PDB file of N, CA and C in Angstrom:
ATOM      1  N   UNK A   1      -8.997 -15.560   8.212  1.00  0.00           N
ATOM      2  CA  UNK A   1      -9.685 -15.375   9.444  1.00  0.00           C
ATOM      3  C   UNK A   1      -9.762 -16.732  10.136  1.00  0.00           C
ATOM      4  N   UNK A   2      -9.598 -16.778  11.448  1.00  0.00           N
ATOM      5  CA  UNK A   2      -9.660 -18.028  12.187  1.00  0.00           C
ATOM      6  C   UNK A   2     -10.787 -17.944  13.197  1.00  0.00           C
ATOM      7  N   UNK A   3     -11.648 -18.937  13.179  1.00  0.00           N
ATOM      8  CA  UNK A   3     -12.762 -18.989  14.121  1.00  0.00           C
ATOM      9  C   UNK A   3     -12.592 -20.200  15.013  1.00  0.00           C
ATOM     10  N   UNK A   4     -12.702 -20.006  16.348  1.00  0.00           N
ATOM     11  CA  UNK A   4     -12.575 -21.140  17.263  1.00  0.00           C
ATOM     12  C   UNK A   4     -13.582 -22.238  16.936  1.00  0.00           C
ATOM     13  N   UNK A   5     -13.148 -23.469  17.027  1.00  0.00           N
ATOM     14  CA  UNK A   5     -13.956 -24.674  16.803  1.00  0.00           C
ATOM     15  C   UNK A   5     -14.424 -24.841  15.355  1.00  0.00           C
ATOM     16  N   UNK A   6     -14.036 -23.921  14.483  1.00  0.00           N
ATOM     17  CA  UNK A   6     -14.386 -24.029  13.072  1.00  0.00           C
ATOM     18  C   UNK A   6     -13.120 -24.134  12.235  1.00  0.00           C
ATOM     19  N   UNK A   7     -12.150 -23.296  12.510  1.00  0.00           N
ATOM     20  CA  UNK A   7     -10.895 -23.311  11.772  1.00  0.00           C
ATOM     21  C   UNK A   7     -10.717 -22.061  10.932  1.00  0.00           C
ATOM     22  N   UNK A   8      -9.783 -22.142  10.010  1.00  0.00           N
ATOM     23  CA  UNK A   8      -9.464 -20.992   9.163  1.00  0.00           C
ATOM     24  C   UNK A   8     -10.466 -20.903   8.019  1.00  0.00           C
ATOM     25  N   UNK A   9     -10.764 -19.678   7.635  1.00  0.00           N
ATOM     26  CA  UNK A   9     -11.601 -19.443   6.467  1.00  0.00           C
ATOM     27  C   UNK A   9     -11.189 -18.132   5.844  1.00  0.00           C
ATOM     28  N   UNK A  10     -11.487 -17.972   4.577  1.00  0.00           N
ATOM     29  CA  UNK A  10     -11.157 -16.753   3.855  1.00  0.00           C
ATOM     30  C   UNK A  10     -12.202 -15.700   4.195  1.00  0.00           C
ATOM     31  N   UNK A  11     -11.734 -14.508   4.527  1.00  0.00           N
ATOM     32  CA  UNK A  11     -12.655 -13.424   4.838  1.00  0.00           C
ATOM     33  C   UNK A  11     -13.413 -12.962   3.609  1.00  0.00           C
ATOM     34  N   UNK A  12     -14.582 -12.415   3.829  1.00  0.00           N
ATOM     35  CA  UNK A  12     -15.397 -11.914   2.722  1.00  0.00           C
ATOM     36  C   UNK A  12     -14.730 -10.715   2.070  1.00  0.00           C
ATOM     37  N   UNK A  13     -15.013 -10.563   0.794  1.00  0.00           N
ATOM     38  CA  UNK A  13     -14.518  -9.416   0.049  1.00  0.00           C
ATOM     39  C   UNK A  13     -15.728  -8.557  -0.295  1.00  0.00           C
ATOM     40  N   UNK A  14     -15.743  -7.335   0.191  1.00  0.00           N
ATOM     41  CA  UNK A  14     -16.871  -6.440  -0.048  1.00  0.00           C
ATOM     42  C   UNK A  14     -16.393  -5.197  -0.784  1.00  0.00           C
ATOM     43  N   UNK A  15     -17.122  -4.811  -1.814  1.00  0.00           N
ATOM     44  CA  UNK A  15     -16.760  -3.635  -2.601  1.00  0.00           C
ATOM     45  C   UNK A  15     -16.703  -2.383  -1.733  1.00  0.00           C
ATOM     46  N   UNK A  16     -17.526  -2.343  -0.697  1.00  0.00           N
ATOM     47  CA  UNK A  16     -17.547  -1.176   0.193  1.00  0.00           C
ATOM     48  C   UNK A  16     -16.202  -0.967   0.886  1.00  0.00           C
ATOM     49  N   UNK A  17     -15.404  -2.012   0.956  1.00  0.00           N
ATOM     50  CA  UNK A  17     -14.091  -1.909   1.596  1.00  0.00           C
ATOM     51  C   UNK A  17     -13.127  -1.036   0.814  1.00  0.00           C
ATOM     52  N   UNK A  18     -13.388  -0.807  -0.457  1.00  0.00           N
ATOM     53  CA  UNK A  18     -12.482  -0.005  -1.281  1.00  0.00           C
ATOM     54  C   UNK A  18     -12.327   1.396  -0.698  1.00  0.00           C
ATOM     55  N   UNK A  19     -13.434   2.014  -0.326  1.00  0.00           N
ATOM     56  CA  UNK A  19     -13.378   3.360   0.265  1.00  0.00           C
ATOM     57  C   UNK A  19     -12.622   3.316   1.581  1.00  0.00           C
ATOM     58  N   UNK A  20     -12.879   2.295   2.377  1.00  0.00           N
ATOM     59  CA  UNK A  20     -12.201   2.171   3.663  1.00  0.00           C
ATOM     60  C   UNK A  20     -10.693   1.993   3.478  1.00  0.00           C
ATOM     61  N   UNK A  21     -10.302   1.187   2.507  1.00  0.00           N
ATOM     62  CA  UNK A  21      -8.885   0.966   2.234  1.00  0.00           C
ATOM     63  C   UNK A  21      -8.199   2.288   1.899  1.00  0.00           C
ATOM     64  N   UNK A  22      -8.794   3.069   0.998  1.00  0.00           N
ATOM     65  CA  UNK A  22      -8.163   4.328   0.615  1.00  0.00           C
ATOM     66  C   UNK A  22      -8.180   5.352   1.739  1.00  0.00           C
ATOM     67  N   UNK A  23      -9.194   5.329   2.578  1.00  0.00           N
ATOM     68  CA  UNK A  23      -9.244   6.229   3.733  1.00  0.00           C
ATOM     69  C   UNK A  23      -8.131   5.887   4.713  1.00  0.00           C
ATOM     70  N   UNK A  24      -7.948   4.603   4.973  1.00  0.00           N
ATOM     71  CA  UNK A  24      -6.876   4.174   5.865  1.00  0.00           C
ATOM     72  C   UNK A  24      -5.503   4.510   5.289  1.00  0.00           C
ATOM     73  N   UNK A  25      -5.312   4.221   4.006  1.00  0.00           N
ATOM     74  CA  UNK A  25      -4.029   4.539   3.380  1.00  0.00           C
ATOM     75  C   UNK A  25      -3.728   6.028   3.461  1.00  0.00           C
ATOM     76  N   UNK A  26      -4.726   6.843   3.203  1.00  0.00           N
ATOM     77  CA  UNK A  26      -4.532   8.288   3.253  1.00  0.00           C
ATOM     78  C   UNK A  26      -4.061   8.723   4.637  1.00  0.00           C
ATOM     79  N   UNK A  27      -4.716   8.232   5.671  1.00  0.00           N
ATOM     80  CA  UNK A  27      -4.348   8.629   7.036  1.00  0.00           C
ATOM     81  C   UNK A  27      -2.927   8.185   7.383  1.00  0.00           C
ATOM     82  N   UNK A  28      -2.594   6.966   7.014  1.00  0.00           N
ATOM     83  CA  UNK A  28      -1.266   6.457   7.343  1.00  0.00           C
ATOM     84  C   UNK A  28      -0.180   7.102   6.480  1.00  0.00           C
ATOM     85  N   UNK A  29      -0.511   7.426   5.234  1.00  0.00           N
ATOM     86  CA  UNK A  29       0.457   8.094   4.367  1.00  0.00           C
ATOM     87  C   UNK A  29       0.806   9.473   4.907  1.00  0.00           C
ATOM     88  N   UNK A  30      -0.186  10.183   5.415  1.00  0.00           N
ATOM     89  CA  UNK A  30       0.076  11.507   5.985  1.00  0.00           C
ATOM     90  C   UNK A  30       1.058  11.378   7.147  1.00  0.00           C
ATOM     91  N   UNK A  31       0.809  10.417   8.019  1.00  0.00           N
ATOM     92  CA  UNK A  31       1.676  10.222   9.180  1.00  0.00           C
ATOM     93  C   UNK A  31       3.102   9.884   8.771  1.00  0.00           C
ATOM     94  N   UNK A  32       3.264   8.872   7.927  1.00  0.00           N
ATOM     95  CA  UNK A  32       4.619   8.460   7.558  1.00  0.00           C
ATOM     96  C   UNK A  32       5.311   9.490   6.672  1.00  0.00           C
ATOM     97  N   UNK A  33       4.571  10.149   5.793  1.00  0.00           N
ATOM     98  CA  UNK A  33       5.177  11.157   4.914  1.00  0.00           C
ATOM     99  C   UNK A  33       5.697  12.343   5.705  1.00  0.00           C
ATOM    100  N   UNK A  34       4.929  12.779   6.689  1.00  0.00           N
ATOM    101  CA  UNK A  34       5.397  13.896   7.532  1.00  0.00           C
ATOM    102  C   UNK A  34       6.715  13.548   8.215  1.00  0.00           C
ATOM    103  N   UNK A  35       6.774  12.340   8.754  1.00  0.00           N
ATOM    104  CA  UNK A  35       7.993  11.919   9.442  1.00  0.00           C
ATOM    105  C   UNK A  35       9.155  11.780   8.450  1.00  0.00           C
ATOM    106  N   UNK A  36       8.887  11.238   7.281  1.00  0.00           N
ATOM    107  CA  UNK A  36       9.947  11.026   6.287  1.00  0.00           C
ATOM    108  C   UNK A  36      10.487  12.342   5.758  1.00  0.00           C
ATOM    109  N   UNK A  37       9.616  13.325   5.580  1.00  0.00           N
ATOM    110  CA  UNK A  37      10.073  14.613   5.026  1.00  0.00           C
ATOM    111  C   UNK A  37      11.189  15.236   5.850  1.00  0.00           C
ATOM    112  N   UNK A  38      11.121  15.085   7.136  1.00  0.00           N
ATOM    113  CA  UNK A  38      12.155  15.641   8.003  1.00  0.00           C
ATOM    114  C   UNK A  38      13.427  14.822   8.028  1.00  0.00           C
ATOM    115  N   UNK A  39      13.396  13.632   7.463  1.00  0.00           N
ATOM    116  CA  UNK A  39      14.546  12.730   7.542  1.00  0.00           C
ATOM    117  C   UNK A  39      15.196  12.407   6.200  1.00  0.00           C
ATOM    118  N   UNK A  40      14.509  12.648   5.098  1.00  0.00           N
ATOM    119  CA  UNK A  40      15.024  12.244   3.789  1.00  0.00           C
ATOM    120  C   UNK A  40      16.261  13.055   3.405  1.00  0.00           C
ATOM    121  N   UNK A  41      17.302  12.339   3.063  1.00  0.00           N
ATOM    122  CA  UNK A  41      18.505  12.963   2.521  1.00  0.00           C
ATOM    123  C   UNK A  41      18.256  13.243   1.041  1.00  0.00           C
ATOM    124  N   UNK A  42      19.002  14.159   0.434  1.00  0.00           N
ATOM    125  CA  UNK A  42      18.790  14.473  -0.985  1.00  0.00           C
ATOM    126  C   UNK A  42      18.842  13.246  -1.898  1.00  0.00           C
ATOM    127  N   UNK A  43      19.745  12.312  -1.631  1.00  0.00           N
ATOM    128  CA  UNK A  43      19.824  11.112  -2.478  1.00  0.00           C
ATOM    129  C   UNK A  43      18.607  10.200  -2.273  1.00  0.00           C
ATOM    130  N   UNK A  44      18.028  10.215  -1.082  1.00  0.00           N
ATOM    131  CA  UNK A  44      16.811   9.428  -0.836  1.00  0.00           C
ATOM    132  C   UNK A  44      15.604  10.060  -1.528  1.00  0.00           C
ATOM    133  N   UNK A  45      15.572  11.373  -1.559  1.00  0.00           N
ATOM    134  CA  UNK A  45      14.513  12.068  -2.285  1.00  0.00           C
ATOM    135  C   UNK A  45      14.609  11.757  -3.778  1.00  0.00           C
ATOM    136  N   UNK A  46      15.826  11.720  -4.294  1.00  0.00           N
ATOM    137  CA  UNK A  46      16.035  11.358  -5.701  1.00  0.00           C
ATOM    138  C   UNK A  46      15.587   9.921  -5.955  1.00  0.00           C
ATOM    139  N   UNK A  47      15.852   9.023  -5.009  1.00  0.00           N
ATOM    140  CA  UNK A  47      15.412   7.633  -5.154  1.00  0.00           C
ATOM    141  C   UNK A  47      13.879   7.550  -5.143  1.00  0.00           C
ATOM    142  N   UNK A  48      13.254   8.339  -4.310  1.00  0.00           N
ATOM    143  CA  UNK A  48      11.788   8.388  -4.271  1.00  0.00           C
ATOM    144  C   UNK A  48      11.230   8.888  -5.601  1.00  0.00           C
ATOM    145  N   UNK A  49      11.868   9.887  -6.178  1.00  0.00           N
ATOM    146  CA  UNK A  49      11.451  10.387  -7.498  1.00  0.00           C
ATOM    147  C   UNK A  49      11.602   9.305  -8.565  1.00  0.00           C
ATOM    148  N   UNK A  50      12.657   8.500  -8.461  1.00  0.00           N
ATOM    149  CA  UNK A  50      12.871   7.399  -9.403  1.00  0.00           C
ATOM    150  C   UNK A  50      11.767   6.351  -9.263  1.00  0.00           C
ATOM    151  N   UNK A  51      11.389   6.042  -8.039  1.00  0.00           N
ATOM    152  CA  UNK A  51      10.309   5.077  -7.801  1.00  0.00           C
ATOM    153  C   UNK A  51       9.014   5.567  -8.444  1.00  0.00           C
ATOM    154  N   UNK A  52       8.684   6.836  -8.235  1.00  0.00           N
ATOM    155  CA  UNK A  52       7.447   7.402  -8.797  1.00  0.00           C
ATOM    156  C   UNK A  52       7.524   7.416 -10.327  1.00  0.00           C
ATOM    157  N   UNK A  53       8.657   7.789 -10.880  1.00  0.00           N
ATOM    158  CA  UNK A  53       8.809   7.797 -12.342  1.00  0.00           C
ATOM    159  C   UNK A  53       8.639   6.388 -12.911  1.00  0.00           C
ATOM    160  N   UNK A  54       9.173   5.405 -12.196  1.00  0.00           N
ATOM    161  CA  UNK A  54       9.007   4.017 -12.640  1.00  0.00           C
ATOM    162  C   UNK A  54       7.532   3.610 -12.589  1.00  0.00           C
ATOM    163  N   UNK A  55       6.825   4.032 -11.561  1.00  0.00           N
ATOM    164  CA  UNK A  55       5.391   3.738 -11.456  1.00  0.00           C
ATOM    165  C   UNK A  55       4.644   4.304 -12.667  1.00  0.00           C
ATOM    166  N   UNK A  56       5.053   5.472 -13.119  1.00  0.00           N
ATOM    167  CA  UNK A  56       4.409   6.099 -14.281  1.00  0.00           C
ATOM    168  C   UNK A  56       4.551   5.255 -15.541  1.00  0.00           C
ATOM    169  N   UNK A  57       5.594   4.447 -15.622  1.00  0.00           N
ATOM    170  CA  UNK A  57       5.801   3.606 -16.806  1.00  0.00           C
ATOM    171  C   UNK A  57       5.011   2.304 -16.730  1.00  0.00           C
ATOM    172  N   UNK A  58       4.413   2.019 -15.586  1.00  0.00           N
ATOM    173  CA  UNK A  58       3.750   0.729 -15.366  1.00  0.00           C
ATOM    174  C   UNK A  58       2.225   0.803 -15.408  1.00  0.00           C
ATOM    175  N   UNK A  59       1.679   1.898 -15.878  1.00  0.00           N
ATOM    176  CA  UNK A  59       0.226   2.066 -15.816  1.00  0.00           C
ATOM    177  C   UNK A  59      -0.540   1.034 -16.633  1.00  0.00           C
ATOM    178  N   UNK A  60       0.082   0.397 -17.592  1.00  0.00           N
ATOM    179  CA  UNK A  60      -0.603  -0.624 -18.390  1.00  0.00           C
ATOM    180  C   UNK A  60      -0.527  -2.009 -17.749  1.00  0.00           C
ATOM    181  N   UNK A  61       0.259  -2.145 -16.699  1.00  0.00           N
ATOM    182  CA  UNK A  61       0.439  -3.433 -16.017  1.00  0.00           C
ATOM    183  C   UNK A  61       0.053  -3.272 -14.550  1.00  0.00           C
ATOM    184  N   UNK A  62      -1.196  -3.590 -14.243  1.00  0.00           N
ATOM    185  CA  UNK A  62      -1.743  -3.358 -12.902  1.00  0.00           C
ATOM    186  C   UNK A  62      -0.949  -4.073 -11.813  1.00  0.00           C
ATOM    187  N   UNK A  63      -0.546  -5.308 -12.069  1.00  0.00           N
ATOM    188  CA  UNK A  63       0.201  -6.061 -11.053  1.00  0.00           C
ATOM    189  C   UNK A  63       1.557  -5.427 -10.777  1.00  0.00           C
ATOM    190  N   UNK A  64       2.274  -5.084 -11.833  1.00  0.00           N
ATOM    191  CA  UNK A  64       3.594  -4.464 -11.655  1.00  0.00           C
ATOM    192  C   UNK A  64       3.459  -3.108 -10.973  1.00  0.00           C
ATOM    193  N   UNK A  65       2.438  -2.343 -11.372  1.00  0.00           N
ATOM    194  CA  UNK A  65       2.217  -1.037 -10.745  1.00  0.00           C
ATOM    195  C   UNK A  65       1.914  -1.209  -9.263  1.00  0.00           C
ATOM    196  N   UNK A  66       1.081  -2.184  -8.941  1.00  0.00           N
ATOM    197  CA  UNK A  66       0.713  -2.437  -7.550  1.00  0.00           C
ATOM    198  C   UNK A  66       1.941  -2.805  -6.715  1.00  0.00           C
ATOM    199  N   UNK A  67       2.832  -3.616  -7.264  1.00  0.00           N
ATOM    200  CA  UNK A  67       4.046  -3.991  -6.546  1.00  0.00           C
ATOM    201  C   UNK A  67       4.966  -2.785  -6.341  1.00  0.00           C
ATOM    202  N   UNK A  68       5.058  -1.943  -7.358  1.00  0.00           N
ATOM    203  CA  UNK A  68       5.888  -0.742  -7.230  1.00  0.00           C
ATOM    204  C   UNK A  68       5.261   0.240  -6.238  1.00  0.00           C
ATOM    205  N   UNK A  69       3.932   0.300  -6.207  1.00  0.00           N
ATOM    206  CA  UNK A  69       3.231   1.134  -5.236  1.00  0.00           C
ATOM    207  C   UNK A  69       3.538   0.666  -3.812  1.00  0.00           C
ATOM    208  N   UNK A  70       3.553  -0.630  -3.627  1.00  0.00           N
ATOM    209  CA  UNK A  70       3.899  -1.185  -2.308  1.00  0.00           C
ATOM    210  C   UNK A  70       5.334  -0.784  -1.944  1.00  0.00           C
ATOM    211  N   UNK A  71       6.242  -0.888  -2.914  1.00  0.00           N
ATOM    212  CA  UNK A  71       7.633  -0.497  -2.686  1.00  0.00           C
ATOM    213  C   UNK A  71       7.713   0.983  -2.296  1.00  0.00           C
ATOM    214  N   UNK A  72       6.934   1.823  -2.958  1.00  0.00           N
ATOM    215  CA  UNK A  72       6.865   3.257  -2.662  1.00  0.00           C
ATOM    216  C   UNK A  72       6.497   3.478  -1.187  1.00  0.00           C
ATOM    217  N   UNK A  73       5.448   2.802  -0.732  1.00  0.00           N
ATOM    218  CA  UNK A  73       5.009   2.959   0.657  1.00  0.00           C
ATOM    219  C   UNK A  73       6.041   2.407   1.638  1.00  0.00           C
ATOM    220  N   UNK A  74       6.627   1.269   1.305  1.00  0.00           N
ATOM    221  CA  UNK A  74       7.649   0.692   2.172  1.00  0.00           C
ATOM    222  C   UNK A  74       8.866   1.609   2.285  1.00  0.00           C
ATOM    223  N   UNK A  75       9.239   2.216   1.168  1.00  0.00           N
ATOM    224  CA  UNK A  75      10.379   3.126   1.159  1.00  0.00           C
ATOM    225  C   UNK A  75      10.121   4.311   2.096  1.00  0.00           C
ATOM    226  N   UNK A  76       8.954   4.921   1.968  1.00  0.00           N
ATOM    227  CA  UNK A  76       8.626   6.081   2.809  1.00  0.00           C
ATOM    228  C   UNK A  76       8.600   5.687   4.285  1.00  0.00           C
ATOM    229  N   UNK A  77       7.943   4.568   4.600  1.00  0.00           N
ATOM    230  CA  UNK A  77       7.872   4.136   6.003  1.00  0.00           C
ATOM    231  C   UNK A  77       9.243   3.806   6.568  1.00  0.00           C
ATOM    232  N   UNK A  78      10.096   3.209   5.760  1.00  0.00           N
ATOM    233  CA  UNK A  78      11.428   2.875   6.260  1.00  0.00           C
ATOM    234  C   UNK A  78      12.231   4.133   6.558  1.00  0.00           C
ATOM    235  N   UNK A  79      12.070   5.150   5.734  1.00  0.00           N
ATOM    236  CA  UNK A  79      12.790   6.405   5.968  1.00  0.00           C
ATOM    237  C   UNK A  79      12.159   7.210   7.094  1.00  0.00           C
ATOM    238  N   UNK A  80      10.872   7.010   7.311  1.00  0.00           N
ATOM    239  CA  UNK A  80      10.178   7.738   8.373  1.00  0.00           C
ATOM    240  C   UNK A  80      10.452   7.129   9.742  1.00  0.00           C
ATOM    241  N   UNK A  81      10.821   5.860   9.750  1.00  0.00           N
ATOM    242  CA  UNK A  81      11.032   5.176  11.024  1.00  0.00           C
ATOM    243  C   UNK A  81       9.725   4.812  11.700  1.00  0.00           C
ATOM    244  N   UNK A  82       8.683   4.647  10.930  1.00  0.00           N
ATOM    245  CA  UNK A  82       7.353   4.340  11.475  1.00  0.00           C
ATOM    246  C   UNK A  82       7.042   2.861  11.262  1.00  0.00           C
ATOM    247  N   UNK A  83       7.638   2.005  12.085  1.00  0.00           N
ATOM    248  CA  UNK A  83       7.468   0.569  11.920  1.00  0.00           C
ATOM    249  C   UNK A  83       6.018   0.129  12.129  1.00  0.00           C
ATOM    250  N   UNK A  84       5.329   0.713  13.087  1.00  0.00           N
ATOM    251  CA  UNK A  84       3.932   0.354  13.333  1.00  0.00           C
ATOM    252  C   UNK A  84       3.067   0.721  12.129  1.00  0.00           C
ATOM    253  N   UNK A  85       3.264   1.927  11.606  1.00  0.00           N
ATOM    254  CA  UNK A  85       2.525   2.349  10.415  1.00  0.00           C
ATOM    255  C   UNK A  85       2.878   1.444   9.238  1.00  0.00           C
ATOM    256  N   UNK A  86       4.144   1.090   9.107  1.00  0.00           N
ATOM    257  CA  UNK A  86       4.565   0.221   8.003  1.00  0.00           C
ATOM    258  C   UNK A  86       3.830  -1.119   8.056  1.00  0.00           C
ATOM    259  N   UNK A  87       3.696  -1.679   9.242  1.00  0.00           N
ATOM    260  CA  UNK A  87       2.983  -2.942   9.396  1.00  0.00           C
ATOM    261  C   UNK A  87       1.511  -2.812   9.054  1.00  0.00           C
ATOM    262  N   UNK A  88       0.919  -1.698   9.466  1.00  0.00           N
ATOM    263  CA  UNK A  88      -0.497  -1.463   9.168  1.00  0.00           C
ATOM    264  C   UNK A  88      -0.713  -1.230   7.675  1.00  0.00           C
ATOM    265  N   UNK A  89       0.168  -0.453   7.060  1.00  0.00           N
ATOM    266  CA  UNK A  89       0.055  -0.211   5.618  1.00  0.00           C
ATOM    267  C   UNK A  89       0.185  -1.526   4.851  1.00  0.00           C
ATOM    268  N   UNK A  90       1.096  -2.381   5.278  1.00  0.00           N
ATOM    269  CA  UNK A  90       1.260  -3.675   4.609  1.00  0.00           C
ATOM    270  C   UNK A  90      -0.036  -4.480   4.662  1.00  0.00           C
ATOM    271  N   UNK A  91      -0.703  -4.480   5.800  1.00  0.00           N
ATOM    272  CA  UNK A  91      -1.974  -5.206   5.925  1.00  0.00           C
ATOM    273  C   UNK A  91      -3.056  -4.593   5.044  1.00  0.00           C
ATOM    274  N   UNK A  92      -3.127  -3.279   5.016  1.00  0.00           N
ATOM    275  CA  UNK A  92      -4.137  -2.607   4.192  1.00  0.00           C
ATOM    276  C   UNK A  92      -3.840  -2.848   2.709  1.00  0.00           C
ATOM    277  N   UNK A  93      -2.569  -2.796   2.316  1.00  0.00           N
ATOM    278  CA  UNK A  93      -2.222  -3.066   0.920  1.00  0.00           C
ATOM    279  C   UNK A  93      -2.501  -4.520   0.540  1.00  0.00           C
ATOM    280  N   UNK A  94      -2.320  -5.443   1.481  1.00  0.00           N
ATOM    281  CA  UNK A  94      -2.701  -6.842   1.217  1.00  0.00           C
ATOM    282  C   UNK A  94      -4.193  -6.927   0.924  1.00  0.00           C
ATOM    283  N   UNK A  95      -4.980  -6.218   1.718  1.00  0.00           N
ATOM    284  CA  UNK A  95      -6.434  -6.207   1.499  1.00  0.00           C
ATOM    285  C   UNK A  95      -6.761  -5.560   0.149  1.00  0.00           C
ATOM    286  N   UNK A  96      -6.061  -4.477  -0.173  1.00  0.00           N
ATOM    287  CA  UNK A  96      -6.282  -3.817  -1.465  1.00  0.00           C
ATOM    288  C   UNK A  96      -5.971  -4.768  -2.621  1.00  0.00           C
ATOM    289  N   UNK A  97      -4.891  -5.542  -2.494  1.00  0.00           N
ATOM    290  CA  UNK A  97      -4.547  -6.500  -3.546  1.00  0.00           C
ATOM    291  C   UNK A  97      -5.704  -7.468  -3.791  1.00  0.00           C
ATOM    292  N   UNK A  98      -6.294  -7.967  -2.725  1.00  0.00           N
ATOM    293  CA  UNK A  98      -7.440  -8.869  -2.868  1.00  0.00           C
ATOM    294  C   UNK A  98      -8.623  -8.156  -3.515  1.00  0.00           C
ATOM    295  N   UNK A  99      -8.877  -6.936  -3.079  1.00  0.00           N
ATOM    296  CA  UNK A  99     -10.023  -6.181  -3.612  1.00  0.00           C
ATOM    297  C   UNK A  99      -9.858  -5.893  -5.092  1.00  0.00           C
ATOM    298  N   UNK A 100      -8.713  -5.371  -5.487  1.00  0.00           N
ATOM    299  CA  UNK A 100      -8.569  -4.976  -6.894  1.00  0.00           C
ATOM    300  C   UNK A 100      -8.530  -6.198  -7.806  1.00  0.00           C
ATOM    301  N   UNK A 101      -8.001  -7.303  -7.327  1.00  0.00           N
ATOM    302  CA  UNK A 101      -8.009  -8.518  -8.146  1.00  0.00           C
ATOM    303  C   UNK A 101      -9.425  -9.059  -8.333  1.00  0.00           C
ATOM    304  N   UNK A 102     -10.256  -8.876  -7.327  1.00  0.00           N
ATOM    305  CA  UNK A 102     -11.623  -9.400  -7.389  1.00  0.00           C
ATOM    306  C   UNK A 102     -12.582  -8.468  -8.131  1.00  0.00           C
ATOM    307  N   UNK A 103     -12.554  -7.175  -7.773  1.00  0.00           N
ATOM    308  CA  UNK A 103     -13.551  -6.243  -8.295  1.00  0.00           C
ATOM    309  C   UNK A 103     -13.107  -5.459  -9.517  1.00  0.00           C
ATOM    310  N   UNK A 104     -11.821  -5.251  -9.676  1.00  0.00           N
ATOM    311  CA  UNK A 104     -11.369  -4.358 -10.733  1.00  0.00           C
ATOM    312  C   UNK A 104     -10.657  -5.063 -11.870  1.00  0.00           C
ATOM    313  N   UNK A 105     -10.726  -6.374 -11.932  1.00  0.00           N
ATOM    314  CA  UNK A 105      -9.995  -7.084 -12.984  1.00  0.00           C
ATOM    315  C   UNK A 105     -10.447  -6.677 -14.376  1.00  0.00           C
ATOM    316  N   UNK A 106     -11.718  -6.368 -14.554  1.00  0.00           N
ATOM    317  CA  UNK A 106     -12.208  -5.943 -15.859  1.00  0.00           C
ATOM    318  C   UNK A 106     -11.752  -4.515 -16.189  1.00  0.00           C
ATOM    319  N   UNK A 107     -11.677  -3.673 -15.161  1.00  0.00           N
ATOM    320  CA  UNK A 107     -11.269  -2.278 -15.360  1.00  0.00           C
ATOM    321  C   UNK A 107      -9.795  -2.209 -15.715  1.00  0.00           C
ATOM    322  N   UNK A 108      -8.984  -2.989 -15.003  1.00  0.00           N
ATOM    323  CA  UNK A 108      -7.537  -2.934 -15.213  1.00  0.00           C
ATOM    324  C   UNK A 108      -7.152  -3.618 -16.498  1.00  0.00           C
TER     325      UNK A 108
END
């Protein structure tokens, strides 16, 4: 975050943001998924299934799973042609990365 006459500072991390992050992701996923469904070729659908199957193997490694989850969202947005949504999802996932590293490190 940048404040005039003060400079850059790290934004606060609030646990309440977790619900907001998932609400935003849900809304954007619906939009991009709808668009992608009409455009996915059979081989792209197979690639999406491979991405999800790979995610299933990473449940013990939170960082690797998180990176594969990001790849999953990027793949769908790229096939949907929703560049604006892709940019917004990237920002929300960046925020999620900060949140889960701060609040969920003991859980993961």
